[in-house]
């Protein structure tokens, strides 16, 4: 069963390499930590199933993002909207800031993440990938749309985020 072992090794490498991306995409779809963990596991399973179908036409990073976003969209459709919490997340703490700085950074991150979660799905997908540093072309490839559509979605998302975040935009 050498082929299966190679496939699992490749999957494990891909998962390790893109764990942060997957985690942030999951966070853009789910506020509840327990449900986010479930979503992240669903994304990993979807990636494991989809990985053998990747033929290299698109960059692997875009492929991973597309699989994760598709699973996130399915998750949103299947979940009732719940109020978001504001618990502190130690993963985002930066050592160079004092306690007040940590609290301020966390509050800003939570506000942005909540505002992104409230965006319509098509805008949320584009802005999440843009925040991950994807180019317009990479976003287009990951979402299966044109680069012009990416620009339109990002402009609409930017406008909506400015309105949602008010003076702190």
N, C-alpha and C. Protein backbone atom coordinates (compact mmCIF):
# COMPACT_ATOMS: atom_id res chain seq x y z
N UNK A 1 0.83 -1.19 0.00
CA UNK A 1 0.00 0.00 0.00
C UNK A 1 0.87 1.26 0.00
N UNK A 2 1.94 1.24 -0.75
CA UNK A 2 2.85 2.37 -0.81
C UNK A 2 2.15 3.62 -1.34
N UNK A 3 1.27 3.47 -2.31
CA UNK A 3 0.55 4.62 -2.86
C UNK A 3 -0.27 5.34 -1.81
N UNK A 4 -0.98 4.57 -0.96
CA UNK A 4 -1.78 5.18 0.10
C UNK A 4 -0.90 5.93 1.09
N UNK A 5 0.23 5.34 1.46
CA UNK A 5 1.13 6.00 2.41
C UNK A 5 1.65 7.30 1.83
N UNK A 6 2.00 7.29 0.54
CA UNK A 6 2.47 8.51 -0.11
C UNK A 6 1.40 9.58 -0.13
N UNK A 7 0.15 9.16 -0.39
CA UNK A 7 -0.95 10.11 -0.41
C UNK A 7 -1.15 10.72 0.97
N UNK A 8 -1.10 9.90 2.03
CA UNK A 8 -1.28 10.42 3.38
C UNK A 8 -0.12 11.34 3.76
N UNK A 9 1.10 10.97 3.34
CA UNK A 9 2.25 11.83 3.62
C UNK A 9 2.07 13.18 2.95
N UNK A 10 1.66 13.19 1.69
CA UNK A 10 1.43 14.43 0.98
C UNK A 10 0.34 15.24 1.65
N UNK A 11 -0.72 14.57 2.06
CA UNK A 11 -1.80 15.25 2.75
C UNK A 11 -1.30 15.87 4.05
N UNK A 12 -0.54 15.11 4.82
CA UNK A 12 -0.01 15.63 6.09
C UNK A 12 0.90 16.84 5.85
N UNK A 13 1.71 16.79 4.81
CA UNK A 13 2.58 17.93 4.48
C UNK A 13 1.74 19.14 4.08
N UNK A 14 0.75 18.92 3.25
CA UNK A 14 -0.13 20.00 2.81
C UNK A 14 -0.86 20.59 4.02
N UNK A 15 -1.38 19.74 4.87
CA UNK A 15 -2.10 20.19 6.06
C UNK A 15 -1.18 21.01 6.97
N UNK A 16 0.02 20.52 7.18
CA UNK A 16 0.98 21.24 8.02
C UNK A 16 1.34 22.60 7.41
N UNK A 17 1.58 22.62 6.11
CA UNK A 17 1.98 23.83 5.42
C UNK A 17 0.88 24.90 5.41
N UNK A 18 -0.38 24.46 5.35
CA UNK A 18 -1.50 25.38 5.20
C UNK A 18 -2.40 25.44 6.44
N UNK A 19 -1.91 24.97 7.57
CA UNK A 19 -2.72 24.93 8.79
C UNK A 19 -3.18 26.32 9.21
N UNK A 20 -2.31 27.29 9.15
CA UNK A 20 -2.68 28.66 9.52
C UNK A 20 -3.75 29.22 8.61
N UNK A 21 -3.60 29.02 7.32
CA UNK A 21 -4.59 29.48 6.35
C UNK A 21 -5.94 28.84 6.63
N UNK A 22 -5.97 27.54 6.82
CA UNK A 22 -7.21 26.83 7.11
C UNK A 22 -7.85 27.34 8.41
N UNK A 23 -7.04 27.55 9.41
CA UNK A 23 -7.54 28.02 10.69
C UNK A 23 -8.16 29.41 10.57
N UNK A 24 -7.51 30.30 9.85
CA UNK A 24 -8.05 31.65 9.68
C UNK A 24 -9.31 31.65 8.82
N UNK A 25 -9.35 30.80 7.80
CA UNK A 25 -10.56 30.71 6.99
C UNK A 25 -11.71 30.18 7.84
N UNK A 26 -11.44 29.16 8.65
CA UNK A 26 -12.48 28.62 9.54
C UNK A 26 -12.98 29.71 10.49
N UNK A 27 -12.06 30.52 11.01
CA UNK A 27 -12.44 31.60 11.93
C UNK A 27 -13.30 32.65 11.23
N UNK A 28 -13.12 32.81 9.92
CA UNK A 28 -13.94 33.79 9.21
C UNK A 28 -15.37 33.30 9.00
N UNK A 29 -15.59 32.01 9.17
CA UNK A 29 -16.93 31.44 9.01
C UNK A 29 -17.62 31.12 10.32
N UNK A 30 -16.87 30.90 11.39
CA UNK A 30 -17.49 30.44 12.64
C UNK A 30 -16.87 31.14 13.84
N UNK A 31 -17.72 31.74 14.67
CA UNK A 31 -17.26 32.45 15.87
C UNK A 31 -17.10 31.50 17.06
N UNK A 32 -17.98 30.54 17.18
CA UNK A 32 -17.96 29.60 18.30
C UNK A 32 -16.74 28.68 18.19
N UNK A 33 -15.91 28.66 19.22
CA UNK A 33 -14.66 27.90 19.16
C UNK A 33 -14.87 26.41 18.93
N UNK A 34 -15.86 25.82 19.61
CA UNK A 34 -16.11 24.38 19.43
C UNK A 34 -16.59 24.09 18.01
N UNK A 35 -17.49 24.92 17.50
CA UNK A 35 -17.97 24.72 16.14
C UNK A 35 -16.88 25.01 15.12
N UNK A 36 -15.99 25.96 15.45
CA UNK A 36 -14.86 26.26 14.57
C UNK A 36 -13.93 25.06 14.48
N UNK A 37 -13.69 24.40 15.61
CA UNK A 37 -12.85 23.19 15.58
C UNK A 37 -13.48 22.11 14.71
N UNK A 38 -14.81 21.94 14.83
CA UNK A 38 -15.52 20.98 13.99
C UNK A 38 -15.39 21.36 12.51
N UNK A 39 -15.55 22.65 12.22
CA UNK A 39 -15.43 23.12 10.85
C UNK A 39 -14.02 22.87 10.32
N UNK A 40 -13.03 23.13 11.15
CA UNK A 40 -11.65 22.91 10.73
C UNK A 40 -11.41 21.43 10.41
N UNK A 41 -11.97 20.55 11.21
CA UNK A 41 -11.85 19.11 10.93
C UNK A 41 -12.57 18.76 9.63
N UNK A 42 -13.74 19.37 9.40
CA UNK A 42 -14.47 19.14 8.15
C UNK A 42 -13.66 19.64 6.95
N UNK A 43 -12.99 20.77 7.13
CA UNK A 43 -12.15 21.30 6.05
C UNK A 43 -10.99 20.36 5.75
N UNK A 44 -10.38 19.83 6.81
CA UNK A 44 -9.27 18.90 6.62
C UNK A 44 -9.74 17.63 5.91
N UNK A 45 -10.90 17.13 6.29
CA UNK A 45 -11.45 15.94 5.63
C UNK A 45 -11.77 16.23 4.17
N UNK A 46 -12.37 17.38 3.91
CA UNK A 46 -12.68 17.76 2.53
C UNK A 46 -11.40 17.89 1.70
N UNK A 47 -10.36 18.45 2.31
CA UNK A 47 -9.08 18.58 1.63
C UNK A 47 -8.48 17.21 1.34
N UNK A 48 -8.56 16.31 2.30
CA UNK A 48 -8.03 14.96 2.12
C UNK A 48 -8.73 14.26 0.95
N UNK A 49 -10.06 14.46 0.87
CA UNK A 49 -10.82 13.85 -0.22
C UNK A 49 -10.51 14.50 -1.57
N UNK A 50 -10.29 15.82 -1.56
CA UNK A 50 -10.10 16.56 -2.81
C UNK A 50 -8.67 16.52 -3.33
N UNK A 51 -7.71 16.34 -2.44
CA UNK A 51 -6.30 16.42 -2.82
C UNK A 51 -5.90 15.50 -3.98
N UNK A 52 -6.40 14.26 -4.05
CA UNK A 52 -6.02 13.43 -5.20
C UNK A 52 -6.50 14.00 -6.54
N UNK A 53 -7.51 14.87 -6.51
CA UNK A 53 -8.02 15.47 -7.73
C UNK A 53 -7.26 16.71 -8.17
N UNK A 54 -6.35 17.19 -7.33
CA UNK A 54 -5.56 18.38 -7.70
C UNK A 54 -4.56 17.99 -8.77
N UNK A 55 -4.61 18.68 -9.89
CA UNK A 55 -3.75 18.36 -11.02
C UNK A 55 -2.66 19.39 -11.25
N UNK A 56 -2.59 20.40 -10.40
CA UNK A 56 -1.54 21.39 -10.52
C UNK A 56 -1.86 22.54 -11.46
N UNK A 57 -3.11 22.61 -11.97
CA UNK A 57 -3.46 23.72 -12.86
C UNK A 57 -3.43 25.04 -12.10
N UNK A 58 -3.82 25.00 -10.85
CA UNK A 58 -3.80 26.18 -9.98
C UNK A 58 -2.76 25.94 -8.88
N UNK A 59 -2.24 27.01 -8.30
CA UNK A 59 -1.31 26.81 -7.18
C UNK A 59 -1.99 26.03 -6.05
N UNK A 60 -1.22 25.23 -5.35
CA UNK A 60 -1.77 24.42 -4.27
C UNK A 60 -2.44 25.29 -3.22
N UNK A 61 -1.86 26.43 -2.90
CA UNK A 61 -2.43 27.34 -1.90
C UNK A 61 -3.84 27.77 -2.30
N UNK A 62 -4.04 28.09 -3.58
CA UNK A 62 -5.36 28.48 -4.07
C UNK A 62 -6.33 27.30 -4.01
N UNK A 63 -5.85 26.11 -4.33
CA UNK A 63 -6.67 24.90 -4.27
C UNK A 63 -7.14 24.65 -2.84
N UNK A 64 -6.21 24.75 -1.89
CA UNK A 64 -6.54 24.55 -0.47
C UNK A 64 -7.57 25.57 -0.02
N UNK A 65 -7.37 26.83 -0.41
CA UNK A 65 -8.30 27.89 -0.03
C UNK A 65 -9.68 27.65 -0.63
N UNK A 66 -9.72 27.18 -1.86
CA UNK A 66 -11.01 26.93 -2.50
C UNK A 66 -11.77 25.81 -1.78
N UNK A 67 -11.08 24.73 -1.47
CA UNK A 67 -11.71 23.62 -0.74
C UNK A 67 -12.22 24.11 0.62
N UNK A 68 -11.39 24.88 1.32
CA UNK A 68 -11.77 25.40 2.64
C UNK A 68 -12.97 26.33 2.54
N UNK A 69 -12.96 27.22 1.57
CA UNK A 69 -14.09 28.15 1.41
C UNK A 69 -15.37 27.42 1.03
N UNK A 70 -15.25 26.42 0.17
CA UNK A 70 -16.45 25.64 -0.18
C UNK A 70 -17.04 24.97 1.06
N UNK A 71 -16.17 24.41 1.88
CA UNK A 71 -16.65 23.75 3.10
C UNK A 71 -17.21 24.78 4.08
N UNK A 72 -16.57 25.94 4.16
CA UNK A 72 -17.08 27.01 5.02
C UNK A 72 -18.45 27.49 4.59
N UNK A 73 -18.65 27.62 3.28
CA UNK A 73 -19.95 28.04 2.76
C UNK A 73 -21.02 27.01 3.09
N UNK A 74 -20.69 25.75 2.95
CA UNK A 74 -21.63 24.68 3.30
C UNK A 74 -21.97 24.75 4.79
N UNK A 75 -20.97 25.02 5.60
CA UNK A 75 -21.17 25.13 7.05
C UNK A 75 -22.13 26.27 7.39
N UNK A 76 -21.93 27.43 6.75
CA UNK A 76 -22.78 28.59 7.01
C UNK A 76 -24.22 28.28 6.65
N UNK A 77 -24.42 27.64 5.51
CA UNK A 77 -25.77 27.31 5.07
C UNK A 77 -26.44 26.38 6.08
N UNK A 78 -25.68 25.47 6.69
CA UNK A 78 -26.25 24.50 7.61
C UNK A 78 -26.38 24.96 9.05
N UNK A 79 -25.84 26.11 9.40
CA UNK A 79 -25.85 26.57 10.80
C UNK A 79 -26.83 27.73 10.99
N UNK A 80 -27.43 27.79 12.15
CA UNK A 80 -28.22 28.95 12.53
C UNK A 80 -27.23 30.02 12.99
N UNK A 81 -27.52 31.27 12.71
CA UNK A 81 -26.64 32.35 13.17
C UNK A 81 -26.75 32.45 14.69
N UNK A 82 -25.59 32.51 15.33
CA UNK A 82 -25.53 32.65 16.79
C UNK A 82 -24.80 33.94 17.12
N UNK A 83 -25.11 34.54 18.28
CA UNK A 83 -24.35 35.73 18.66
C UNK A 83 -22.88 35.37 18.87
N UNK A 84 -22.00 36.25 18.45
CA UNK A 84 -20.58 35.98 18.59
C UNK A 84 -20.09 36.37 19.97
N UNK A 85 -19.15 35.61 20.48
CA UNK A 85 -18.54 35.93 21.77
C UNK A 85 -17.33 36.81 21.56
N UNK A 86 -16.75 37.25 22.65
CA UNK A 86 -15.56 38.10 22.54
C UNK A 86 -14.46 37.60 23.47
N UNK A 87 -14.38 36.29 23.64
CA UNK A 87 -13.34 35.73 24.50
C UNK A 87 -11.97 36.00 23.90
N UNK A 88 -10.98 36.23 24.76
CA UNK A 88 -9.63 36.47 24.28
C UNK A 88 -9.05 35.19 23.72
N UNK A 89 -8.27 35.33 22.68
CA UNK A 89 -7.65 34.20 22.01
C UNK A 89 -6.14 34.35 22.13
N UNK A 90 -5.49 33.49 22.90
CA UNK A 90 -4.06 33.60 23.15
C UNK A 90 -3.22 33.42 21.91
N UNK A 91 -3.76 32.83 20.85
CA UNK A 91 -3.00 32.63 19.63
C UNK A 91 -2.61 33.95 18.97
N UNK A 92 -3.30 35.02 19.27
CA UNK A 92 -3.07 36.30 18.61
C UNK A 92 -2.20 37.25 19.45
N UNK A 93 -1.74 36.83 20.60
CA UNK A 93 -0.96 37.70 21.48
C UNK A 93 0.43 37.90 20.92
N UNK A 94 0.88 39.15 20.91
CA UNK A 94 2.23 39.48 20.47
C UNK A 94 3.04 39.89 21.69
N UNK A 95 4.23 39.32 21.88
CA UNK A 95 5.00 39.56 23.10
C UNK A 95 5.48 40.99 23.28
N UNK A 96 5.56 41.81 22.24
CA UNK A 96 6.11 43.16 22.39
C UNK A 96 5.10 44.16 22.96
N UNK A 97 3.84 43.77 23.13
CA UNK A 97 2.82 44.65 23.66
C UNK A 97 2.55 44.33 25.12
N UNK A 98 2.22 45.36 25.88
CA UNK A 98 1.82 45.15 27.27
C UNK A 98 0.38 44.67 27.33
N UNK A 99 -0.15 44.46 28.54
CA UNK A 99 -1.53 43.97 28.68
C UNK A 99 -2.56 44.86 27.99
N UNK A 100 -2.39 46.19 28.10
CA UNK A 100 -3.34 47.09 27.45
C UNK A 100 -3.26 46.96 25.93
N UNK A 101 -2.03 46.83 25.43
CA UNK A 101 -1.83 46.66 23.99
C UNK A 101 -2.44 45.37 23.48
N UNK A 102 -2.29 44.30 24.27
CA UNK A 102 -2.89 43.01 23.91
C UNK A 102 -4.41 43.14 23.83
N UNK A 103 -4.98 43.77 24.84
CA UNK A 103 -6.44 43.92 24.88
C UNK A 103 -6.93 44.75 23.70
N UNK A 104 -6.22 45.83 23.38
CA UNK A 104 -6.61 46.68 22.26
C UNK A 104 -6.49 45.94 20.93
N UNK A 105 -5.37 45.25 20.73
CA UNK A 105 -5.19 44.48 19.50
C UNK A 105 -6.26 43.40 19.37
N UNK A 106 -6.54 42.73 20.47
CA UNK A 106 -7.55 41.68 20.44
C UNK A 106 -8.92 42.25 20.12
N UNK A 107 -9.25 43.38 20.71
CA UNK A 107 -10.55 44.00 20.45
C UNK A 107 -10.67 44.38 18.97
N UNK A 108 -9.61 44.94 18.41
CA UNK A 108 -9.63 45.32 16.99
C UNK A 108 -9.75 44.08 16.11
N UNK A 109 -9.02 43.02 16.45
CA UNK A 109 -9.08 41.79 15.66
C UNK A 109 -10.48 41.19 15.70
N UNK A 110 -11.07 41.16 16.90
CA UNK A 110 -12.41 40.59 17.05
C UNK A 110 -13.43 41.41 16.28
N UNK A 111 -13.30 42.75 16.35
CA UNK A 111 -14.23 43.62 15.61
C UNK A 111 -14.12 43.37 14.11
N UNK A 112 -12.89 43.27 13.60
CA UNK A 112 -12.70 43.02 12.17
C UNK A 112 -13.25 41.65 11.80
N UNK A 113 -12.92 40.64 12.59
CA UNK A 113 -13.38 39.29 12.30
C UNK A 113 -14.91 39.21 12.33
N UNK A 114 -15.53 39.87 13.30
CA UNK A 114 -17.00 39.88 13.37
C UNK A 114 -17.59 40.61 12.17
N UNK A 115 -16.97 41.72 11.78
CA UNK A 115 -17.46 42.46 10.61
C UNK A 115 -17.31 41.63 9.34
N UNK A 116 -16.20 40.92 9.21
CA UNK A 116 -16.01 40.05 8.04
C UNK A 116 -17.06 38.94 8.04
N UNK A 117 -17.35 38.36 9.21
CA UNK A 117 -18.35 37.30 9.30
C UNK A 117 -19.74 37.76 8.88
N UNK A 118 -20.03 39.04 9.06
CA UNK A 118 -21.36 39.57 8.71
C UNK A 118 -21.49 39.91 7.23
N UNK A 119 -20.37 39.90 6.49
CA UNK A 119 -20.43 40.18 5.06
C UNK A 119 -21.18 39.07 4.33
N UNK A 120 -21.82 39.40 3.21
CA UNK A 120 -22.40 38.33 2.38
C UNK A 120 -21.30 37.34 1.99
N UNK A 121 -21.66 36.11 1.80
CA UNK A 121 -20.70 35.03 1.57
C UNK A 121 -19.72 35.34 0.45
N UNK A 122 -20.19 35.85 -0.68
CA UNK A 122 -19.29 36.11 -1.81
C UNK A 122 -18.25 37.17 -1.45
N UNK A 123 -18.63 38.18 -0.69
CA UNK A 123 -17.68 39.21 -0.27
C UNK A 123 -16.74 38.67 0.80
N UNK A 124 -17.28 37.87 1.71
CA UNK A 124 -16.48 37.29 2.79
C UNK A 124 -15.35 36.43 2.24
N UNK A 125 -15.68 35.62 1.24
CA UNK A 125 -14.67 34.75 0.65
C UNK A 125 -13.53 35.57 0.05
N UNK A 126 -13.87 36.59 -0.71
CA UNK A 126 -12.85 37.40 -1.36
C UNK A 126 -12.00 38.16 -0.34
N UNK A 127 -12.63 38.77 0.65
CA UNK A 127 -11.87 39.57 1.62
C UNK A 127 -11.01 38.68 2.51
N UNK A 128 -11.47 37.49 2.84
CA UNK A 128 -10.67 36.58 3.67
C UNK A 128 -9.38 36.19 2.93
N UNK A 129 -9.50 35.90 1.66
CA UNK A 129 -8.31 35.55 0.88
C UNK A 129 -7.39 36.76 0.70
N UNK A 130 -7.98 37.95 0.52
CA UNK A 130 -7.16 39.16 0.39
C UNK A 130 -6.40 39.42 1.69
N UNK A 131 -7.06 39.22 2.83
CA UNK A 131 -6.38 39.40 4.12
C UNK A 131 -5.27 38.37 4.32
N UNK A 132 -5.35 37.25 3.63
CA UNK A 132 -4.31 36.22 3.67
C UNK A 132 -3.17 36.53 2.71
N UNK A 133 -3.29 37.63 1.95
CA UNK A 133 -2.21 38.02 1.06
C UNK A 133 -2.33 37.46 -0.35
N UNK A 134 -3.48 36.89 -0.70
CA UNK A 134 -3.67 36.38 -2.05
C UNK A 134 -3.78 37.57 -3.01
N UNK A 135 -3.23 37.42 -4.21
CA UNK A 135 -3.38 38.43 -5.26
C UNK A 135 -4.78 38.31 -5.86
N UNK A 136 -5.17 39.32 -6.63
CA UNK A 136 -6.48 39.25 -7.30
C UNK A 136 -6.57 38.01 -8.18
N UNK A 137 -5.50 37.70 -8.89
CA UNK A 137 -5.50 36.53 -9.77
C UNK A 137 -5.64 35.24 -8.96
N UNK A 138 -4.95 35.16 -7.82
CA UNK A 138 -5.05 33.96 -6.98
C UNK A 138 -6.45 33.82 -6.38
N UNK A 139 -7.06 34.95 -5.99
CA UNK A 139 -8.42 34.91 -5.46
C UNK A 139 -9.38 34.45 -6.55
N UNK A 140 -9.21 34.99 -7.74
CA UNK A 140 -10.06 34.59 -8.86
C UNK A 140 -9.95 33.10 -9.11
N UNK A 141 -8.74 32.59 -9.08
CA UNK A 141 -8.52 31.17 -9.32
C UNK A 141 -9.14 30.33 -8.20
N UNK A 142 -8.96 30.76 -6.96
CA UNK A 142 -9.49 29.99 -5.83
C UNK A 142 -11.01 29.96 -5.82
N UNK A 143 -11.64 31.06 -6.24
CA UNK A 143 -13.10 31.15 -6.19
C UNK A 143 -13.77 30.83 -7.52
N UNK A 144 -12.96 30.65 -8.57
CA UNK A 144 -13.54 30.32 -9.87
C UNK A 144 -14.29 31.49 -10.50
N UNK A 145 -13.77 32.72 -10.31
CA UNK A 145 -14.39 33.92 -10.88
C UNK A 145 -13.31 34.70 -11.62
N UNK A 146 -13.71 35.78 -12.29
CA UNK A 146 -12.74 36.61 -13.01
C UNK A 146 -12.04 37.57 -12.06
N UNK A 147 -10.90 38.07 -12.49
CA UNK A 147 -10.18 39.04 -11.66
C UNK A 147 -10.98 40.33 -11.53
N UNK A 148 -11.75 40.69 -12.55
CA UNK A 148 -12.62 41.88 -12.44
C UNK A 148 -13.66 41.68 -11.36
N UNK A 149 -14.23 40.49 -11.28
CA UNK A 149 -15.21 40.20 -10.23
C UNK A 149 -14.57 40.28 -8.85
N UNK A 150 -13.32 39.85 -8.75
CA UNK A 150 -12.60 39.95 -7.48
C UNK A 150 -12.49 41.41 -7.07
N UNK A 151 -12.10 42.27 -8.00
CA UNK A 151 -11.98 43.70 -7.70
C UNK A 151 -13.29 44.30 -7.24
N UNK A 152 -14.38 43.94 -7.91
CA UNK A 152 -15.70 44.44 -7.53
C UNK A 152 -16.06 43.96 -6.12
N UNK A 153 -15.86 42.67 -5.86
CA UNK A 153 -16.18 42.12 -4.55
C UNK A 153 -15.35 42.76 -3.44
N UNK A 154 -14.07 42.97 -3.71
CA UNK A 154 -13.21 43.58 -2.69
C UNK A 154 -13.60 45.03 -2.43
N UNK A 155 -13.96 45.78 -3.49
CA UNK A 155 -14.41 47.16 -3.29
C UNK A 155 -15.70 47.20 -2.48
N UNK A 156 -16.63 46.32 -2.78
CA UNK A 156 -17.88 46.27 -2.01
C UNK A 156 -17.62 45.86 -0.57
N UNK A 157 -16.74 44.90 -0.38
CA UNK A 157 -16.41 44.44 0.98
C UNK A 157 -15.73 45.56 1.76
N UNK A 158 -14.82 46.27 1.12
CA UNK A 158 -14.11 47.37 1.78
C UNK A 158 -15.11 48.44 2.24
N UNK A 159 -16.02 48.77 1.37
CA UNK A 159 -17.04 49.76 1.71
C UNK A 159 -17.91 49.28 2.88
N UNK A 160 -18.33 48.03 2.82
CA UNK A 160 -19.17 47.46 3.89
C UNK A 160 -18.40 47.40 5.21
N UNK A 161 -17.12 47.06 5.16
CA UNK A 161 -16.31 46.99 6.37
C UNK A 161 -16.10 48.37 6.98
N UNK A 162 -15.88 49.36 6.14
CA UNK A 162 -15.74 50.73 6.65
C UNK A 162 -17.00 51.17 7.38
N UNK A 163 -18.15 50.86 6.80
CA UNK A 163 -19.42 51.21 7.43
C UNK A 163 -19.58 50.44 8.74
N UNK A 164 -19.28 49.15 8.72
CA UNK A 164 -19.47 48.31 9.92
C UNK A 164 -18.53 48.70 11.05
N UNK A 165 -17.30 49.08 10.70
CA UNK A 165 -16.32 49.40 11.72
C UNK A 165 -16.35 50.87 12.13
N UNK A 166 -17.07 51.69 11.36
CA UNK A 166 -17.21 53.09 11.72
C UNK A 166 -15.91 53.84 11.78
N UNK A 167 -15.73 54.58 12.82
CA UNK A 167 -14.57 55.45 12.96
C UNK A 167 -13.26 54.70 13.10
N UNK A 168 -13.28 53.41 13.43
CA UNK A 168 -12.05 52.65 13.60
C UNK A 168 -11.60 51.95 12.33
N UNK A 169 -12.20 52.27 11.19
CA UNK A 169 -11.86 51.62 9.93
C UNK A 169 -10.43 51.91 9.53
